[in-house]
PDB file of N, CA and C in Angstrom:
ATOM      1  N   ASN A   1      -7.611 -50.311  26.830  1.00  0.00           N
ATOM      2  CA  ASN A   1      -7.310 -50.330  28.121  1.00  0.00           C
ATOM      3  C   ASN A   1      -8.161 -49.333  28.848  1.00  0.00           C
ATOM      4  N   LYS A   2      -8.333 -48.278  28.049  1.00  0.00           N
ATOM      5  CA  LYS A   2      -8.838 -47.003  28.527  1.00  0.00           C
ATOM      6  C   LYS A   2      -8.570 -46.440  29.643  1.00  0.00           C
ATOM      7  N   ILE A   3      -7.319 -46.043  30.073  1.00  0.00           N
ATOM      8  CA  ILE A   3      -6.758 -45.280  30.809  1.00  0.00           C
ATOM      9  C   ILE A   3      -7.202 -44.154  31.631  1.00  0.00           C
ATOM     10  N   GLY A   4      -7.972 -43.602  30.555  1.00  0.00           N
ATOM     11  CA  GLY A   4      -8.721 -42.110  31.295  1.00  0.00           C
ATOM     12  C   GLY A   4      -7.877 -41.257  31.399  1.00  0.00           C
ATOM     13  N   PRO A   5      -8.433 -40.101  31.613  1.00  0.00           N
ATOM     14  CA  PRO A   5      -7.552 -38.661  31.800  1.00  0.00           C
ATOM     15  C   PRO A   5      -6.277 -38.805  33.045  1.00  0.00           C
ATOM     16  N   GLU A   6      -6.710 -39.531  34.123  1.00  0.00           N
ATOM     17  CA  GLU A   6      -5.321 -39.863  34.972  1.00  0.00           C
ATOM     18  C   GLU A   6      -4.414 -40.839  34.403  1.00  0.00           C
ATOM     19  N   GLY A   7      -4.705 -41.928  33.818  1.00  0.00           N
ATOM     20  CA  GLY A   7      -3.734 -42.553  33.211  1.00  0.00           C
ATOM     21  C   GLY A   7      -2.903 -41.583  32.244  1.00  0.00           C
ATOM     22  N   GLY A   8      -3.457 -40.789  31.586  1.00  0.00           N
ATOM     23  CA  GLY A   8      -2.604 -39.952  30.323  1.00  0.00           C
ATOM     24  C   GLY A   8      -1.782 -39.160  30.951  1.00  0.00           C
ATOM     25  N   GLN A   9      -2.544 -38.568  32.138  1.00  0.00           N
ATOM     26  CA  GLN A   9      -1.382 -37.894  33.253  1.00  0.00           C
ATOM     27  C   GLN A   9      -0.331 -38.528  33.607  1.00  0.00           C
ATOM     28  N   ALA A  10      -0.509 -39.543  33.809  1.00  0.00           N
ATOM     29  CA  ALA A  10       0.512 -40.277  34.777  1.00  0.00           C
ATOM     30  C   ALA A  10       1.690 -40.673  33.500  1.00  0.00           C
ATOM     31  N   LEU A  11       1.303 -40.999  32.418  1.00  0.00           N
ATOM     32  CA  LEU A  11       2.167 -41.454  31.277  1.00  0.00           C
ATOM     33  C   LEU A  11       2.898 -40.003  31.004  1.00  0.00           C
ATOM     34  N   ALA A  12       2.142 -39.294  30.953  1.00  0.00           N
ATOM     35  CA  ALA A  12       2.934 -37.880  30.787  1.00  0.00           C
ATOM     36  C   ALA A  12       4.092 -37.383  31.370  1.00  0.00           C
ATOM     37  N   GLU A  13       3.509 -37.657  32.843  1.00  0.00           N
ATOM     38  CA  GLU A  13       4.944 -37.406  33.781  1.00  0.00           C
ATOM     39  C   GLU A  13       6.023 -38.320  33.547  1.00  0.00           C
ATOM     40  N   ALA A  14       5.766 -39.378  33.042  1.00  0.00           N
ATOM     41  CA  ALA A  14       6.564 -40.578  32.959  1.00  0.00           C
ATOM     42  C   ALA A  14       7.578 -40.241  31.566  1.00  0.00           C
ATOM     43  N   LEU A  15       7.029 -39.678  30.610  1.00  0.00           N
ATOM     44  CA  LEU A  15       7.523 -39.214  29.279  1.00  0.00           C
ATOM     45  C   LEU A  15       8.709 -37.914  29.692  1.00  0.00           C
ATOM     46  N   LYS A  16       8.289 -37.330  30.794  1.00  0.00           N
ATOM     47  CA  LYS A  16       9.148 -36.313  30.671  1.00  0.00           C
ATOM     48  C   LYS A  16      10.608 -36.765  30.930  1.00  0.00           C
ATOM     49  N   VAL A  17      10.769 -37.774  31.648  1.00  0.00           N
ATOM     50  CA  VAL A  17      12.112 -37.936  32.213  1.00  0.00           C
ATOM     51  C   VAL A  17      12.550 -39.500  31.474  1.00  0.00           C
ATOM     52  N   ASN A  18      11.696 -40.081  30.547  1.00  0.00           N
ATOM     53  CA  ASN A  18      11.942 -41.187  29.938  1.00  0.00           C
ATOM     54  C   ASN A  18      12.709 -40.732  28.524  1.00  0.00           C
ATOM     55  N   SER A  19      13.988 -41.800  28.362  1.00  0.00           N
ATOM     56  CA  SER A  19      14.684 -41.256  27.154  1.00  0.00           C
ATOM     57  C   SER A  19      14.572 -42.720  26.130  1.00  0.00           C
ATOM     58  N   THR A  20      13.669 -43.381  26.477  1.00  0.00           N
ATOM     59  CA  THR A  20      13.959 -44.860  25.507  1.00  0.00           C
ATOM     60  C   THR A  20      12.710 -44.897  24.646  1.00  0.00           C
ATOM     61  N   VAL A  21      11.428 -44.324  25.152  1.00  0.00           N
ATOM     62  CA  VAL A  21      10.368 -44.739  24.342  1.00  0.00           C
ATOM     63  C   VAL A  21      10.287 -44.074  23.063  1.00  0.00           C
ATOM     64  N   ALA A  22      10.136 -44.607  21.920  1.00  0.00           N
ATOM     65  CA  ALA A  22       9.857 -43.745  20.472  1.00  0.00           C
ATOM     66  C   ALA A  22       8.890 -44.148  20.102  1.00  0.00           C
ATOM     67  N   HIS A  23       7.802 -45.079  20.299  1.00  0.00           N
ATOM     68  CA  HIS A  23       6.720 -45.472  19.603  1.00  0.00           C
ATOM     69  C   HIS A  23       5.649 -45.447  20.642  1.00  0.00           C
ATOM     70  N   LEU A  24       4.558 -44.714  20.713  1.00  0.00           N
ATOM     71  CA  LEU A  24       3.667 -45.053  21.770  1.00  0.00           C
ATOM     72  C   LEU A  24       2.303 -44.819  21.055  1.00  0.00           C
ATOM     73  N   ASP A  25       1.560 -45.863  21.237  1.00  0.00           N
ATOM     74  CA  ASP A  25       0.241 -46.025  20.919  1.00  0.00           C
ATOM     75  C   ASP A  25      -0.772 -46.104  22.013  1.00  0.00           C
ATOM     76  N   LEU A  26      -1.435 -44.900  22.022  1.00  0.00           N
ATOM     77  CA  LEU A  26      -2.598 -44.885  23.123  1.00  0.00           C
ATOM     78  C   LEU A  26      -3.901 -44.706  22.581  1.00  0.00           C
ATOM     79  N   SER A  27      -4.090 -45.107  21.205  1.00  0.00           N
ATOM     80  CA  SER A  27      -5.301 -45.002  20.706  1.00  0.00           C
ATOM     81  C   SER A  27      -6.394 -45.723  21.439  1.00  0.00           C
ATOM     82  N   SER A  28      -7.473 -44.738  21.566  1.00  0.00           N
ATOM     83  CA  SER A  28      -8.943 -45.612  22.134  1.00  0.00           C
ATOM     84  C   SER A  28      -8.831 -45.707  23.719  1.00  0.00           C
ATOM     85  N   ASN A  29      -8.047 -44.783  24.110  1.00  0.00           N
ATOM     86  CA  ASN A  29      -7.860 -44.854  25.860  1.00  0.00           C
ATOM     87  C   ASN A  29      -8.661 -43.583  26.476  1.00  0.00           C
ATOM     88  N   GLU A  30      -9.518 -42.918  26.030  1.00  0.00           N
ATOM     89  CA  GLU A  30     -10.439 -42.152  26.536  1.00  0.00           C
ATOM     90  C   GLU A  30      -9.707 -40.999  27.515  1.00  0.00           C
ATOM     91  N   ILE A  31      -8.396 -40.588  27.241  1.00  0.00           N
ATOM     92  CA  ILE A  31      -7.640 -39.537  27.686  1.00  0.00           C
ATOM     93  C   ILE A  31      -8.145 -38.234  28.155  1.00  0.00           C
ATOM     94  N   GLY A  32      -9.076 -37.632  27.065  1.00  0.00           N
ATOM     95  CA  GLY A  32      -9.947 -36.643  27.271  1.00  0.00           C
ATOM     96  C   GLY A  32      -8.795 -35.232  27.244  1.00  0.00           C
ATOM     97  N   PRO A  33      -9.520 -33.952  27.180  1.00  0.00           N
ATOM     98  CA  PRO A  33      -8.704 -33.092  27.076  1.00  0.00           C
ATOM     99  C   PRO A  33      -7.682 -32.907  28.144  1.00  0.00           C
ATOM    100  N   GLU A  34      -7.635 -33.153  29.469  1.00  0.00           N
ATOM    101  CA  GLU A  34      -7.019 -33.140  30.247  1.00  0.00           C
ATOM    102  C   GLU A  34      -5.632 -34.220  30.462  1.00  0.00           C
ATOM    103  N   GLY A  35      -5.722 -35.552  29.608  1.00  0.00           N
ATOM    104  CA  GLY A  35      -4.797 -36.424  29.194  1.00  0.00           C
ATOM    105  C   GLY A  35      -3.824 -35.549  27.960  1.00  0.00           C
ATOM    106  N   GLY A  36      -4.823 -35.177  26.678  1.00  0.00           N
ATOM    107  CA  GLY A  36      -4.171 -34.541  26.093  1.00  0.00           C
ATOM    108  C   GLY A  36      -3.331 -33.164  26.052  1.00  0.00           C
ATOM    109  N   GLN A  37      -3.538 -32.481  27.097  1.00  0.00           N
ATOM    110  CA  GLN A  37      -2.741 -31.244  27.486  1.00  0.00           C
ATOM    111  C   GLN A  37      -1.560 -31.808  28.510  1.00  0.00           C
ATOM    112  N   ALA A  38      -1.827 -32.887  29.235  1.00  0.00           N
ATOM    113  CA  ALA A  38      -0.603 -33.684  30.057  1.00  0.00           C
ATOM    114  C   ALA A  38       0.271 -33.949  28.971  1.00  0.00           C
ATOM    115  N   LEU A  39       0.113 -34.673  28.131  1.00  0.00           N
ATOM    116  CA  LEU A  39       1.016 -35.432  27.092  1.00  0.00           C
ATOM    117  C   LEU A  39       1.512 -34.136  26.266  1.00  0.00           C
ATOM    118  N   ALA A  40       0.967 -33.066  25.779  1.00  0.00           N
ATOM    119  CA  ALA A  40       1.608 -31.872  25.318  1.00  0.00           C
ATOM    120  C   ALA A  40       2.811 -31.383  26.097  1.00  0.00           C
ATOM    121  N   GLU A  41       2.295 -31.064  27.240  1.00  0.00           N
ATOM    122  CA  GLU A  41       3.461 -30.597  28.461  1.00  0.00           C
ATOM    123  C   GLU A  41       4.793 -31.599  28.117  1.00  0.00           C
ATOM    124  N   ALA A  42       4.474 -32.579  28.181  1.00  0.00           N
ATOM    125  CA  ALA A  42       5.545 -33.582  28.042  1.00  0.00           C
ATOM    126  C   ALA A  42       6.356 -33.658  26.866  1.00  0.00           C
ATOM    127  N   LEU A  43       5.707 -33.722  25.740  1.00  0.00           N
ATOM    128  CA  LEU A  43       6.131 -33.740  24.480  1.00  0.00           C
ATOM    129  C   LEU A  43       6.960 -32.250  24.188  1.00  0.00           C
ATOM    130  N   LYS A  44       6.780 -31.208  25.114  1.00  0.00           N
ATOM    131  CA  LYS A  44       7.890 -30.169  24.990  1.00  0.00           C
ATOM    132  C   LYS A  44       9.191 -30.670  25.443  1.00  0.00           C
ATOM    133  N   VAL A  45       9.380 -31.355  26.400  1.00  0.00           N
ATOM    134  CA  VAL A  45      10.403 -31.785  26.894  1.00  0.00           C
ATOM    135  C   VAL A  45      10.994 -32.872  26.526  1.00  0.00           C
ATOM    136  N   ASN A  46      10.103 -33.816  25.994  1.00  0.00           N
ATOM    137  CA  ASN A  46      10.748 -35.134  25.523  1.00  0.00           C
ATOM    138  C   ASN A  46      11.411 -35.096  24.276  1.00  0.00           C
ATOM    139  N   SER A  47      12.372 -35.811  24.242  1.00  0.00           N
ATOM    140  CA  SER A  47      13.228 -35.884  22.753  1.00  0.00           C
ATOM    141  C   SER A  47      13.218 -37.228  22.070  1.00  0.00           C
ATOM    142  N   THR A  48      12.446 -38.297  22.553  1.00  0.00           N
ATOM    143  CA  THR A  48      12.891 -39.524  22.110  1.00  0.00           C
ATOM    144  C   THR A  48      11.666 -39.963  21.304  1.00  0.00           C
ATOM    145  N   VAL A  49      10.265 -39.639  21.734  1.00  0.00           N
ATOM    146  CA  VAL A  49       9.067 -40.062  21.083  1.00  0.00           C
ATOM    147  C   VAL A  49       8.997 -39.656  19.715  1.00  0.00           C
ATOM    148  N   ALA A  50       8.997 -40.425  18.555  1.00  0.00           N
ATOM    149  CA  ALA A  50       8.843 -40.169  17.330  1.00  0.00           C
ATOM    150  C   ALA A  50       7.612 -40.608  16.578  1.00  0.00           C
ATOM    151  N   HIS A  51       6.707 -41.393  17.404  1.00  0.00           N
ATOM    152  CA  HIS A  51       5.690 -41.942  16.511  1.00  0.00           C
ATOM    153  C   HIS A  51       4.420 -41.748  17.853  1.00  0.00           C
ATOM    154  N   LEU A  52       3.631 -41.238  17.841  1.00  0.00           N
ATOM    155  CA  LEU A  52       2.558 -41.020  18.803  1.00  0.00           C
ATOM    156  C   LEU A  52       1.101 -41.345  18.023  1.00  0.00           C
ATOM    157  N   ASP A  53       0.476 -42.058  18.758  1.00  0.00           N
ATOM    158  CA  ASP A  53      -1.008 -42.592  18.011  1.00  0.00           C
ATOM    159  C   ASP A  53      -2.206 -42.108  19.519  1.00  0.00           C
ATOM    160  N   LEU A  54      -2.777 -41.030  19.070  1.00  0.00           N
ATOM    161  CA  LEU A  54      -3.677 -40.551  20.185  1.00  0.00           C
ATOM    162  C   LEU A  54      -4.975 -40.400  19.635  1.00  0.00           C
ATOM    163  N   SER A  55      -5.170 -41.264  18.626  1.00  0.00           N
ATOM    164  CA  SER A  55      -6.556 -41.551  17.727  1.00  0.00           C
ATOM    165  C   SER A  55      -7.531 -41.926  18.745  1.00  0.00           C
ATOM    166  N   SER A  56      -8.841 -41.634  18.422  1.00  0.00           N
ATOM    167  CA  SER A  56     -10.087 -42.260  19.516  1.00  0.00           C
ATOM    168  C   SER A  56      -9.982 -41.771  20.975  1.00  0.00           C
ATOM    169  N   ASN A  57      -9.360 -40.579  20.925  1.00  0.00           N
ATOM    170  CA  ASN A  57      -9.215 -40.350  22.601  1.00  0.00           C
ATOM    171  C   ASN A  57     -10.212 -38.965  23.294  1.00  0.00           C
ATOM    172  N   GLU A  58     -10.958 -38.720  22.225  1.00  0.00           N
ATOM    173  CA  GLU A  58     -11.672 -37.171  22.681  1.00  0.00           C
ATOM    174  C   GLU A  58     -10.966 -36.111  23.357  1.00  0.00           C
ATOM    175  N   ILE A  59      -9.746 -35.667  22.826  1.00  0.00           N
ATOM    176  CA  ILE A  59      -9.157 -34.921  23.688  1.00  0.00           C
ATOM    177  C   ILE A  59      -9.598 -33.470  23.383  1.00  0.00           C
ATOM    178  N   GLY A  60     -10.498 -33.203  22.279  1.00  0.00           N
ATOM    179  CA  GLY A  60     -11.298 -32.026  22.085  1.00  0.00           C
ATOM    180  C   GLY A  60     -10.379 -30.814  21.521  1.00  0.00           C
ATOM    181  N   PRO A  61     -10.887 -29.669  21.493  1.00  0.00           N
ATOM    182  CA  PRO A  61     -10.076 -28.481  20.783  1.00  0.00           C
ATOM    183  C   PRO A  61      -8.962 -27.914  21.759  1.00  0.00           C
ATOM    184  N   GLU A  62      -9.189 -28.145  23.047  1.00  0.00           N
ATOM    185  CA  GLU A  62      -8.351 -27.815  24.162  1.00  0.00           C
ATOM    186  C   GLU A  62      -7.006 -28.688  24.031  1.00  0.00           C
ATOM    187  N   GLY A  63      -7.230 -29.816  23.863  1.00  0.00           N
ATOM    188  CA  GLY A  63      -6.018 -31.029  23.994  1.00  0.00           C
ATOM    189  C   GLY A  63      -5.479 -30.625  22.613  1.00  0.00           C
ATOM    190  N   GLY A  64      -6.038 -30.541  21.595  1.00  0.00           N
ATOM    191  CA  GLY A  64      -5.654 -30.168  20.064  1.00  0.00           C
ATOM    192  C   GLY A  64      -4.609 -29.034  20.181  1.00  0.00           C
ATOM    193  N   GLN A  65      -5.084 -27.950  20.704  1.00  0.00           N
ATOM    194  CA  GLN A  65      -4.448 -26.885  20.798  1.00  0.00           C
ATOM    195  C   GLN A  65      -3.183 -26.975  21.539  1.00  0.00           C
ATOM    196  N   ALA A  66      -2.876 -27.637  22.562  1.00  0.00           N
ATOM    197  CA  ALA A  66      -2.098 -28.077  23.399  1.00  0.00           C
ATOM    198  C   ALA A  66      -0.785 -28.750  22.528  1.00  0.00           C
ATOM    199  N   LEU A  67      -1.544 -29.549  22.063  1.00  0.00           N
ATOM    200  CA  LEU A  67      -0.611 -30.528  21.197  1.00  0.00           C
ATOM    201  C   LEU A  67       0.240 -29.703  20.172  1.00  0.00           C
ATOM    202  N   ALA A  68      -0.656 -28.680  19.488  1.00  0.00           N
ATOM    203  CA  ALA A  68       0.134 -27.824  18.599  1.00  0.00           C
ATOM    204  C   ALA A  68       0.857 -27.033  18.865  1.00  0.00           C
ATOM    205  N   GLU A  69       0.650 -26.462  20.041  1.00  0.00           N
ATOM    206  CA  GLU A  69       1.782 -25.704  20.997  1.00  0.00           C
ATOM    207  C   GLU A  69       3.178 -26.387  20.948  1.00  0.00           C
ATOM    208  N   ALA A  70       2.854 -27.550  21.689  1.00  0.00           N
ATOM    209  CA  ALA A  70       4.052 -28.267  21.869  1.00  0.00           C
ATOM    210  C   ALA A  70       4.965 -28.593  20.673  1.00  0.00           C
ATOM    211  N   LEU A  71       4.072 -29.036  19.449  1.00  0.00           N
ATOM    212  CA  LEU A  71       4.880 -29.436  18.407  1.00  0.00           C
ATOM    213  C   LEU A  71       5.665 -28.381  17.900  1.00  0.00           C
ATOM    214  N   LYS A  72       5.407 -27.056  17.999  1.00  0.00           N
ATOM    215  CA  LYS A  72       6.079 -25.943  17.861  1.00  0.00           C
ATOM    216  C   LYS A  72       7.912 -26.090  18.632  1.00  0.00           C
ATOM    217  N   VAL A  73       7.777 -26.681  19.749  1.00  0.00           N
ATOM    218  CA  VAL A  73       9.081 -26.807  19.883  1.00  0.00           C
ATOM    219  C   VAL A  73       9.738 -28.133  20.102  1.00  0.00           C
ATOM    220  N   ASN A  74       9.078 -29.320  19.778  1.00  0.00           N
ATOM    221  CA  ASN A  74       9.328 -30.416  19.565  1.00  0.00           C
ATOM    222  C   ASN A  74       9.752 -30.706  18.400  1.00  0.00           C
ATOM    223  N   SER A  75      11.134 -31.151  17.975  1.00  0.00           N
ATOM    224  CA  SER A  75      11.596 -31.470  16.584  1.00  0.00           C
ATOM    225  C   SER A  75      11.776 -33.177  16.572  1.00  0.00           C
ATOM    226  N   THR A  76      11.093 -33.877  17.627  1.00  0.00           N
ATOM    227  CA  THR A  76      11.361 -35.187  17.224  1.00  0.00           C
ATOM    228  C   THR A  76      10.216 -36.117  16.828  1.00  0.00           C
ATOM    229  N   VAL A  77       9.001 -35.426  17.093  1.00  0.00           N
ATOM    230  CA  VAL A  77       7.431 -36.135  16.756  1.00  0.00           C
ATOM    231  C   VAL A  77       7.800 -36.106  15.034  1.00  0.00           C
ATOM    232  N   ALA A  78       7.637 -37.433  14.536  1.00  0.00           N
ATOM    233  CA  ALA A  78       7.596 -37.561  13.174  1.00  0.00           C
ATOM    234  C   ALA A  78       6.168 -37.794  12.292  1.00  0.00           C
ATOM    235  N   HIS A  79       5.422 -38.608  13.206  1.00  0.00           N
ATOM    236  CA  HIS A  79       3.925 -39.239  13.190  1.00  0.00           C
ATOM    237  C   HIS A  79       3.156 -39.108  14.405  1.00  0.00           C
ATOM    238  N   LEU A  80       2.110 -38.315  14.105  1.00  0.00           N
ATOM    239  CA  LEU A  80       1.310 -37.909  15.279  1.00  0.00           C
ATOM    240  C   LEU A  80      -0.142 -38.213  14.630  1.00  0.00           C
ATOM    241  N   ASP A  81      -1.151 -39.157  15.252  1.00  0.00           N
ATOM    242  CA  ASP A  81      -2.313 -39.567  14.755  1.00  0.00           C
ATOM    243  C   ASP A  81      -3.341 -39.079  15.634  1.00  0.00           C
ATOM    244  N   LEU A  82      -4.199 -38.258  15.129  1.00  0.00           N
ATOM    245  CA  LEU A  82      -5.262 -37.577  15.793  1.00  0.00           C
ATOM    246  C   LEU A  82      -6.737 -37.915  15.536  1.00  0.00           C
ATOM    247  N   ARG A  83      -6.847 -38.702  14.633  1.00  0.00           N
ATOM    248  CA  ARG A  83      -8.100 -39.254  14.301  1.00  0.00           C
ATOM    249  C   ARG A  83      -8.953 -39.370  15.106  1.00  0.00           C
ATOM    250  N   ASP A  84     -10.276 -39.044  14.876  1.00  0.00           N
ATOM    251  CA  ASP A  84     -11.567 -39.124  15.970  1.00  0.00           C
ATOM    252  C   ASP A  84     -11.502 -38.764  17.424  1.00  0.00           C
ATOM    253  N   ASN A  85     -10.964 -37.405  17.326  1.00  0.00           N
ATOM    254  CA  ASN A  85     -10.517 -36.726  18.311  1.00  0.00           C
ATOM    255  C   ASN A  85     -11.647 -35.309  18.859  1.00  0.00           C
ATOM    256  N   LYS A  86     -12.443 -35.148  17.768  1.00  0.00           N
ATOM    257  CA  LYS A  86     -13.287 -34.137  18.102  1.00  0.00           C
ATOM    258  C   LYS A  86     -12.611 -32.529  18.098  1.00  0.00           C
ATOM    259  N   ILE A  87     -11.504 -32.583  17.580  1.00  0.00           N
ATOM    260  CA  ILE A  87     -10.513 -31.422  17.544  1.00  0.00           C
ATOM    261  C   ILE A  87     -11.387 -30.018  17.075  1.00  0.00           C
ATOM    262  N   GLY A  88     -12.172 -30.098  16.140  1.00  0.00           N
ATOM    263  CA  GLY A  88     -12.798 -29.067  15.178  1.00  0.00           C
ATOM    264  C   GLY A  88     -13.944 -29.690  14.462  1.00  0.00           C
ATOM    265  N   PRO A  89     -14.267 -28.618  13.581  1.00  0.00           N
ATOM    266  CA  PRO A  89     -15.745 -28.969  12.933  1.00  0.00           C
ATOM    267  C   PRO A  89     -15.726 -30.081  12.039  1.00  0.00           C
TER     268      PRO A  89
END
């Protein structure tokens, strides 16, 4: 679908208040670092998403770092797919 950074940010805002979505596949959507960071902020307050696929989104080191920080406070996410995101070397 290639929702891009704006779509990633919009979904992140929705996830902040959503209490039913448990599985979300956003693979290959080109959300970039901005979308990754927005989703990370959402994960800090969302308590229902347990499976999140962000593979092939080019979130980069910035998005990866933001997600790592979010996981420090999120105890719900059990599966996070970050393949092919150019997070590190």
